[in-house]
Every structure is written in structure tokens, then in C-alpha cells.
Protein backbone atom coordinates (compact mmCIF):
# COMPACT_ATOMS: atom_id res chain seq x y z
CA UNK A 1 95.77 105.48 164.01
CA UNK A 2 93.69 105.54 160.84
CA UNK A 3 96.87 105.85 158.73
CA UNK A 4 98.38 102.79 160.43
CA UNK A 5 95.28 100.70 159.66
CA UNK A 6 95.28 101.84 156.02
CA UNK A 7 98.98 101.03 155.70
CA UNK A 8 98.39 97.58 157.23
CA UNK A 9 95.52 96.81 154.86
CA UNK A 10 97.55 98.07 151.90
CA UNK A 11 100.52 95.84 152.78
CA UNK A 12 98.17 92.86 153.22
CA UNK A 13 96.62 93.48 149.82
CA UNK A 14 100.06 93.67 148.23
CA UNK A 15 101.27 90.42 149.84
CA UNK A 16 98.19 88.28 149.06
CA UNK A 17 99.07 87.65 145.39
CA UNK A 18 102.50 86.42 146.49
CA UNK A 19 100.94 84.02 148.99
CA UNK A 20 98.55 82.55 146.45
CA UNK A 21 101.40 82.22 143.95
CA UNK A 22 103.52 80.33 146.50
CA UNK A 23 100.56 78.14 147.39
CA UNK A 24 99.89 77.32 143.74
CA UNK A 25 103.56 76.41 143.21
CA UNK A 26 103.39 74.14 146.26
CA UNK A 27 100.20 72.54 144.92
CA UNK A 28 101.83 72.06 141.51
CA UNK A 29 104.86 70.38 143.13
CA UNK A 30 102.62 68.10 145.20
CA UNK A 31 100.62 67.13 142.09
CA UNK A 32 103.83 66.41 140.18
CA UNK A 33 105.21 64.20 142.98
CA UNK A 34 101.85 62.42 143.30
CA UNK A 35 101.91 61.74 139.57
CA UNK A 36 105.47 60.34 139.76
CA UNK A 37 104.62 58.03 142.67
CA UNK A 38 101.38 56.82 141.06
CA UNK A 39 103.03 56.20 137.68
CA UNK A 40 105.88 54.28 139.39
CA UNK A 41 108.39 56.09 137.21
CA UNK A 42 110.86 58.26 139.11
CA UNK A 43 114.43 58.60 140.30
CA UNK A 44 115.64 59.12 143.87
CA UNK A 45 118.72 61.37 143.86
CA UNK A 46 120.87 60.82 146.96
CA UNK A 47 122.32 63.99 148.50
CA UNK A 48 123.72 62.64 151.78
CA UNK A 49 124.27 59.30 153.51
CA UNK A 50 123.97 58.31 157.15
CA UNK A 51 125.67 54.97 157.82
CA UNK A 52 124.80 52.92 160.90
CA UNK A 53 127.35 52.93 163.66
CA UNK A 54 130.22 55.33 164.28
CA UNK A 55 130.74 56.39 160.65
CA UNK A 56 130.11 60.10 160.03
CA UNK A 57 127.36 61.45 157.78
CA UNK A 58 128.59 62.24 154.27
CA UNK A 59 127.46 64.73 151.67
CA UNK A 60 127.24 63.18 148.22
CA UNK A 61 127.89 64.78 144.84
CA UNK A 62 124.48 64.02 143.30
CA UNK A 63 125.73 61.30 140.94
CA UNK A 64 124.16 58.54 143.06
CA UNK A 65 120.59 57.46 142.44
CA UNK A 66 117.90 54.81 142.58
CA UNK A 67 115.73 54.59 139.46
CA UNK A 68 112.28 53.01 139.78
CA UNK A 69 110.05 51.92 136.89
CA UNK A 70 107.17 49.48 136.65
CA UNK A 71 109.49 46.72 135.43
CA UNK A 72 112.86 47.46 137.09
CA UNK A 73 114.72 48.99 140.01
CA UNK A 74 118.24 50.21 139.25
CA UNK A 75 120.49 51.16 142.14
CA UNK A 76 123.73 53.10 141.88
CA UNK A 77 124.41 54.09 145.49
CA UNK A 78 127.56 54.18 147.62
CA UNK A 79 127.99 52.20 150.81
CA UNK A 80 129.74 53.38 153.97
CA UNK A 81 129.60 51.17 157.03
CA UNK A 82 130.29 47.65 158.18
CA UNK A 83 130.08 44.85 155.64
CA UNK A 84 130.19 41.31 157.02
CA UNK A 85 131.49 39.79 153.76
CA UNK A 86 133.60 41.38 151.06
CA UNK A 87 132.53 41.28 147.40
CA UNK A 88 134.43 38.86 145.19
CA UNK A 89 135.03 41.63 142.64
CA UNK A 90 136.61 44.69 144.31
CA UNK A 91 135.13 46.97 141.64
CA UNK A 92 131.62 45.99 142.80
CA UNK A 93 131.59 48.19 145.90
CA UNK A 94 128.56 50.16 146.92
CA UNK A 95 124.95 49.17 146.39
CA UNK A 96 124.81 48.53 142.65
CA UNK A 97 122.18 46.28 141.12
CA UNK A 98 119.36 45.99 138.62
CA UNK A 99 116.28 44.11 139.75
CA UNK A 100 113.41 43.01 137.54
CA UNK A 101 111.72 40.78 140.13
CA UNK A 102 110.53 42.80 143.10
CA UNK A 103 107.55 43.56 145.31
CA UNK A 104 106.41 47.19 145.36
CA UNK A 105 104.01 48.58 147.96
CA UNK A 106 102.90 52.21 148.38
CA UNK A 107 101.18 53.44 151.54
CA UNK A 108 99.85 56.98 151.74
CA UNK A 109 100.58 58.76 155.04
CA UNK A 110 97.82 60.51 156.98
CA UNK A 111 99.60 63.87 157.02
CA UNK A 112 100.70 63.71 153.38
CA UNK A 113 103.46 61.85 151.63
CA UNK A 114 104.07 58.17 151.04
CA UNK A 115 105.96 55.18 152.37
CA UNK A 116 107.20 52.92 149.58
CA UNK A 117 108.59 49.46 150.34
CA UNK A 118 110.52 47.67 147.60
CA UNK A 119 111.67 44.07 148.15
CA UNK A 120 113.98 42.85 145.37
CA UNK A 121 114.04 39.07 144.85
CA UNK A 122 116.89 38.77 142.33
CA UNK A 123 119.81 40.51 144.03
CA UNK A 124 122.01 39.97 147.09
CA UNK A 125 122.75 43.69 147.45
CA UNK A 126 119.51 44.61 149.27
CA UNK A 127 116.67 42.78 150.98
CA UNK A 128 114.49 45.83 151.37
CA UNK A 129 114.39 49.48 150.26
CA UNK A 130 112.14 51.83 152.24
CA UNK A 131 111.45 55.27 150.80
CA UNK A 132 109.65 57.90 152.89
CA UNK A 133 108.58 60.60 150.42
CA UNK A 134 107.12 63.95 151.46
CA UNK A 135 104.56 65.71 149.28
CA UNK A 136 107.31 68.21 148.37
CA UNK A 137 109.55 65.41 147.09
CA UNK A 138 112.07 65.29 149.95
CA UNK A 139 112.89 61.65 150.57
CA UNK A 140 114.64 59.35 153.01
CA UNK A 141 115.77 55.97 151.66
CA UNK A 142 116.76 53.18 154.02
CA UNK A 143 118.60 50.24 152.45
CA UNK A 144 118.58 46.98 154.40
CA UNK A 145 121.11 44.53 153.03
CA UNK A 146 121.98 40.90 153.52
CA UNK A 147 125.58 41.12 154.71
CA UNK A 148 125.82 44.79 155.64
CA UNK A 149 124.58 47.17 158.27
CA UNK A 150 121.62 49.29 157.11
CA UNK A 151 122.36 52.69 155.59
CA UNK A 152 120.07 55.70 155.16
CA UNK A 153 120.19 58.29 152.38
CA UNK A 154 118.54 61.70 152.21
CA UNK A 155 117.63 63.23 148.88
CA UNK A 156 114.80 64.08 146.52
CA UNK A 157 112.46 62.25 144.17
CA UNK A 158 112.31 63.65 140.65
CA UNK A 159 111.19 62.70 137.15
CA UNK A 160 113.38 60.25 135.27
CA UNK A 161 115.57 61.75 132.58
CA UNK A 162 115.68 59.96 129.24
CA UNK A 163 119.25 58.81 128.67
CA UNK A 164 120.55 58.46 125.14
């Protein structure tokens, strides 16, 4: 019995440094995401899409994103679902726009994370973008458009990469 208790205490002592290391990495990630949200300089990387209606969910290749800065919102996202009007230019499919006139509102959630509402005023591609960001960076983006059914994307928020 005494040997079992000693073995249990020994295994607990060995695992504690791993727990504190995992906790500190989680705290570092939360601080990094908090910094990105507060600085209003980040990119949402879409990993999957969930169209409204009977369309199936789709895994994306990671080349689709929504970049947010203090002075612009740049969207390069696909669209799957019902559109009520077709674009005049067939190469302009998806949700592609750059907005420099928009409202930006961040609300912190009680259990951690944020809800970010972006309302672009200078594009017809989207009326409202709603990002629900967890403290770990996992994000759901809902895009509500003018002439399309809403679409939801799952992905992550990360730091913007400087493009040359």
C-alpha cells in the first residue's frame, strides 16, 4: 500500500511540470490572440465552409482569408449557396472585396473570446461580417450578403504576414 502511494506521488510530481508548461503555452496563445484583436490587425484563415440550405459542408485549402486592419477589410473568400443575382463579371465569383469604410465593434464574451461585427459601407458583397473568436484563436465567420444566402466559415485567427 505504501509503495502504491509513493508511486502515485512520484508520477504526480513528474507530470506537474508538463501541466504548467501546457498552461503557460495556453496563456501565451490567449495573450497573442488578445493582442491581435486589440490591435485590429489580423487575418482570418478559412478552413471549411457551411453554406445555408442543402449544400454540403466543404473543406477549403487554406488559401481563402479575410484580412482586417484599422483602415481596411480585405476579403478573399469562396461562396457556395444560392445567389439571387449573378455578377456582371463571371470572374468575380465568391466574396471578394476591399472595404475602407466600415463599422467595427468588438464585444468580449463572459466565458472568454470575442464577438466582432464588421459592417462594410462601400461594397455590395457583404452587409455584415460576424466573427466569433475563441481565446485559442478558433473562429467562426458568418457573412451576410445583399443578394445571397448567408454562409458560415470555420477557421483560425492569426497574425498578418507581410507580403512583398
